[in-house]
Amino acid sequence: MNMKELVEKMSKATGETKKRSEEIIKSFLDVVEGELADGGSVKLVGHFSLEVKERKARKGRNPQTGKEIHIPEKKAVKLSVGKALAEKVNPAKAIEKAIEKYSKGKKKDKKK
């Protein structure tokens, strides 16, 4: 999904105009980018969290020439997926975990 498609879907979901939906999305992105640029993090529980991590300098290889190169240290944004989002993306896995958890509970009950 690109920005135009996101704006259209948000507009339909909220009843806002496309222009207003685009303003809201851009404002959200500005706030998130500003927080990350200041070294903070953004956590939307159940959905995802974003945080800035330091990557140390290291040696690498140019894949075309095989020559060793120096990769400088840098900051990178790390995305961690929340449980609710992970379960929506992979519902079969969530069902497996629920069955496993239920089965373990039944085994404990039988031992008593």
C-alpha atoms as a PDB file:
ATOM      1  CA  MET A   1       0.000   0.000   0.000  1.00  0.00           C
ATOM      2  CA  ASN A   2       1.359   3.408  -0.875  1.00  0.00           C
ATOM      3  CA  MET A   3       0.489   6.802   0.658  1.00  0.00           C
ATOM      4  CA  LYS A   4      -2.318   7.515  -1.811  1.00  0.00           C
ATOM      5  CA  GLU A   5      -3.983   4.164  -1.092  1.00  0.00           C
ATOM      6  CA  LEU A   6      -3.554   4.664   2.670  1.00  0.00           C
ATOM      7  CA  VAL A   7      -5.172   8.107   2.462  1.00  0.00           C
ATOM      8  CA  GLU A   8      -8.114   6.668   0.519  1.00  0.00           C
ATOM      9  CA  LYS A   9      -8.661   3.833   3.018  1.00  0.00           C
ATOM     10  CA  MET A  10      -8.356   6.161   6.028  1.00  0.00           C
ATOM     11  CA  SER A  11     -10.798   8.561   4.418  1.00  0.00           C
ATOM     12  CA  LYS A  12     -13.367   5.800   3.913  1.00  0.00           C
ATOM     13  CA  ALA A  13     -12.814   4.363   7.407  1.00  0.00           C
ATOM     14  CA  THR A  14     -13.155   7.690   9.228  1.00  0.00           C
ATOM     15  CA  GLY A  15     -15.543   9.622   7.000  1.00  0.00           C
ATOM     16  CA  GLU A  16     -12.984  12.427   6.747  1.00  0.00           C
ATOM     17  CA  THR A  17     -12.055  14.030   3.442  1.00  0.00           C
ATOM     18  CA  LYS A  18      -8.995  12.711   1.646  1.00  0.00           C
ATOM     19  CA  LYS A  19      -7.231  16.017   2.281  1.00  0.00           C
ATOM     20  CA  ARG A  20      -7.929  15.867   6.031  1.00  0.00           C
ATOM     21  CA  SER A  21      -6.938  12.194   6.186  1.00  0.00           C
ATOM     22  CA  GLU A  22      -3.632  13.000   4.478  1.00  0.00           C
ATOM     23  CA  GLU A  23      -2.983  15.830   6.979  1.00  0.00           C
ATOM     24  CA  ILE A  24      -3.617  13.467   9.900  1.00  0.00           C
ATOM     25  CA  ILE A  25      -1.328  10.761   8.499  1.00  0.00           C
ATOM     26  CA  LYS A  26       1.437  13.270   7.754  1.00  0.00           C
ATOM     27  CA  SER A  27       1.123  14.738  11.251  1.00  0.00           C
ATOM     28  CA  PHE A  28       1.387  11.255  12.765  1.00  0.00           C
ATOM     29  CA  LEU A  29       4.496  10.521  10.705  1.00  0.00           C
ATOM     30  CA  ASP A  30       6.048  13.898  11.658  1.00  0.00           C
ATOM     31  CA  VAL A  31       5.521  13.164  15.365  1.00  0.00           C
ATOM     32  CA  VAL A  32       6.988   9.644  15.057  1.00  0.00           C
ATOM     33  CA  GLU A  33       9.986  10.861  13.021  1.00  0.00           C
ATOM     34  CA  GLY A  34      10.621  13.692  15.483  1.00  0.00           C
ATOM     35  CA  GLU A  35      10.542  11.346  18.475  1.00  0.00           C
ATOM     36  CA  LEU A  36      12.955   8.908  16.816  1.00  0.00           C
ATOM     37  CA  ALA A  37      15.260  11.721  15.668  1.00  0.00           C
ATOM     38  CA  ASP A  38      15.451  12.893  19.308  1.00  0.00           C
ATOM     39  CA  GLY A  39      16.523   9.391  20.364  1.00  0.00           C
ATOM     40  CA  GLY A  40      13.161   8.388  21.796  1.00  0.00           C
ATOM     41  CA  SER A  41      10.905   5.472  20.972  1.00  0.00           C
ATOM     42  CA  VAL A  42       7.302   4.968  19.902  1.00  0.00           C
ATOM     43  CA  LYS A  43       5.322   2.087  21.397  1.00  0.00           C
ATOM     44  CA  LEU A  44       1.818   1.212  20.275  1.00  0.00           C
ATOM     45  CA  VAL A  45       1.094  -1.736  22.556  1.00  0.00           C
ATOM     46  CA  GLY A  46      -0.149  -4.786  20.711  1.00  0.00           C
ATOM     47  CA  HIS A  47       0.795  -3.339  17.334  1.00  0.00           C
ATOM     48  CA  PHE A  48       4.452  -2.366  17.136  1.00  0.00           C
ATOM     49  CA  SER A  49       7.255  -0.397  18.702  1.00  0.00           C
ATOM     50  CA  LEU A  50       9.972   1.651  17.036  1.00  0.00           C
ATOM     51  CA  GLU A  51      13.273   2.568  18.628  1.00  0.00           C
ATOM     52  CA  VAL A  52      16.675   3.835  17.544  1.00  0.00           C
ATOM     53  CA  LYS A  53      19.585   1.436  17.938  1.00  0.00           C
ATOM     54  CA  GLU A  54      23.304   2.056  17.452  1.00  0.00           C
ATOM     55  CA  ARG A  55      25.075  -0.174  14.953  1.00  0.00           C
ATOM     56  CA  LYS A  56      28.794  -0.505  15.597  1.00  0.00           C
ATOM     57  CA  ALA A  57      31.369  -0.020  12.873  1.00  0.00           C
ATOM     58  CA  ARG A  58      32.344  -3.274  11.224  1.00  0.00           C
ATOM     59  CA  LYS A  59      34.131  -4.821   8.302  1.00  0.00           C
ATOM     60  CA  GLY A  60      32.197  -6.055   5.291  1.00  0.00           C
ATOM     61  CA  ARG A  61      32.793  -7.228   1.735  1.00  0.00           C
ATOM     62  CA  ASN A  62      31.899  -5.643  -1.553  1.00  0.00           C
ATOM     63  CA  PRO A  63      29.781  -8.391  -3.154  1.00  0.00           C
ATOM     64  CA  GLN A  64      30.933  -7.499  -6.684  1.00  0.00           C
ATOM     65  CA  THR A  65      34.683  -7.447  -6.039  1.00  0.00           C
ATOM     66  CA  GLY A  66      35.029  -9.415  -2.803  1.00  0.00           C
ATOM     67  CA  LYS A  67      37.237  -6.586  -1.484  1.00  0.00           C
ATOM     68  CA  GLU A  68      37.026  -5.908   2.263  1.00  0.00           C
ATOM     69  CA  ILE A  69      35.428  -2.556   3.143  1.00  0.00           C
ATOM     70  CA  HIS A  70      34.850  -0.547   6.329  1.00  0.00           C
ATOM     71  CA  ILE A  71      31.219   0.029   7.277  1.00  0.00           C
ATOM     72  CA  PRO A  72      30.975   3.017   9.649  1.00  0.00           C
ATOM     73  CA  GLU A  73      28.817   3.054  12.783  1.00  0.00           C
ATOM     74  CA  LYS A  74      25.308   4.416  12.354  1.00  0.00           C
ATOM     75  CA  LYS A  75      21.907   4.662  13.963  1.00  0.00           C
ATOM     76  CA  ALA A  76      19.101   2.442  12.686  1.00  0.00           C
ATOM     77  CA  VAL A  77      15.396   2.228  13.465  1.00  0.00           C
ATOM     78  CA  LYS A  78      14.339  -1.123  14.921  1.00  0.00           C
ATOM     79  CA  LEU A  79      10.765  -2.321  14.501  1.00  0.00           C
ATOM     80  CA  SER A  80       9.320  -4.874  16.914  1.00  0.00           C
ATOM     81  CA  VAL A  81       5.939  -6.371  16.118  1.00  0.00           C
ATOM     82  CA  GLY A  82       3.341  -6.593  18.872  1.00  0.00           C
ATOM     83  CA  LYS A  83       1.408  -9.713  19.764  1.00  0.00           C
ATOM     84  CA  ALA A  84      -1.962  -8.550  18.357  1.00  0.00           C
ATOM     85  CA  LEU A  85      -0.451  -7.637  14.989  1.00  0.00           C
ATOM     86  CA  ALA A  86       1.592 -10.827  14.817  1.00  0.00           C
ATOM     87  CA  GLU A  87      -1.530 -12.886  15.456  1.00  0.00           C
ATOM     88  CA  LYS A  88      -3.477 -11.052  12.736  1.00  0.00           C
ATOM     89  CA  VAL A  89      -0.689 -11.629  10.234  1.00  0.00           C
ATOM     90  CA  ASN A  90      -0.216 -15.274  11.221  1.00  0.00           C
ATOM     91  CA  PRO A  91      -3.492 -16.526  12.746  1.00  0.00           C
ATOM     92  CA  ALA A  92      -2.564 -20.201  12.375  1.00  0.00           C
ATOM     93  CA  LYS A  93       0.423 -19.685  14.692  1.00  0.00           C
ATOM     94  CA  ALA A  94      -1.835 -17.989  17.261  1.00  0.00           C
ATOM     95  CA  ILE A  95      -4.235 -20.916  17.140  1.00  0.00           C
ATOM     96  CA  GLU A  96      -1.332 -23.362  17.608  1.00  0.00           C
ATOM     97  CA  LYS A  97      -0.122 -21.441  20.665  1.00  0.00           C
ATOM     98  CA  ALA A  98      -3.620 -21.319  22.146  1.00  0.00           C
ATOM     99  CA  ILE A  99      -4.057 -25.073  21.667  1.00  0.00           C
ATOM    100  CA  GLU A 100      -0.625 -25.726  23.185  1.00  0.00           C
ATOM    101  CA  LYS A 101      -1.403 -23.500  26.171  1.00  0.00           C
ATOM    102  CA  TYR A 102      -4.801 -25.169  26.638  1.00  0.00           C
ATOM    103  CA  SER A 103      -3.239 -28.633  26.402  1.00  0.00           C
ATOM    104  CA  LYS A 104      -0.625 -27.794  29.034  1.00  0.00           C
ATOM    105  CA  GLY A 105      -3.388 -26.578  31.367  1.00  0.00           C
ATOM    106  CA  LYS A 106      -5.277 -29.847  30.941  1.00  0.00           C
ATOM    107  CA  LYS A 107      -2.158 -31.906  31.738  1.00  0.00           C
ATOM    108  CA  LYS A 108      -1.594 -29.950  34.940  1.00  0.00           C
ATOM    109  CA  ASP A 109      -5.224 -30.503  35.979  1.00  0.00           C
ATOM    110  CA  LYS A 110      -4.891 -34.274  35.499  1.00  0.00           C
ATOM    111  CA  LYS A 111      -1.787 -34.447  37.723  1.00  0.00           C
ATOM    112  CA  LYS A 112      -3.665 -32.970  40.672  1.00  0.00           C
END
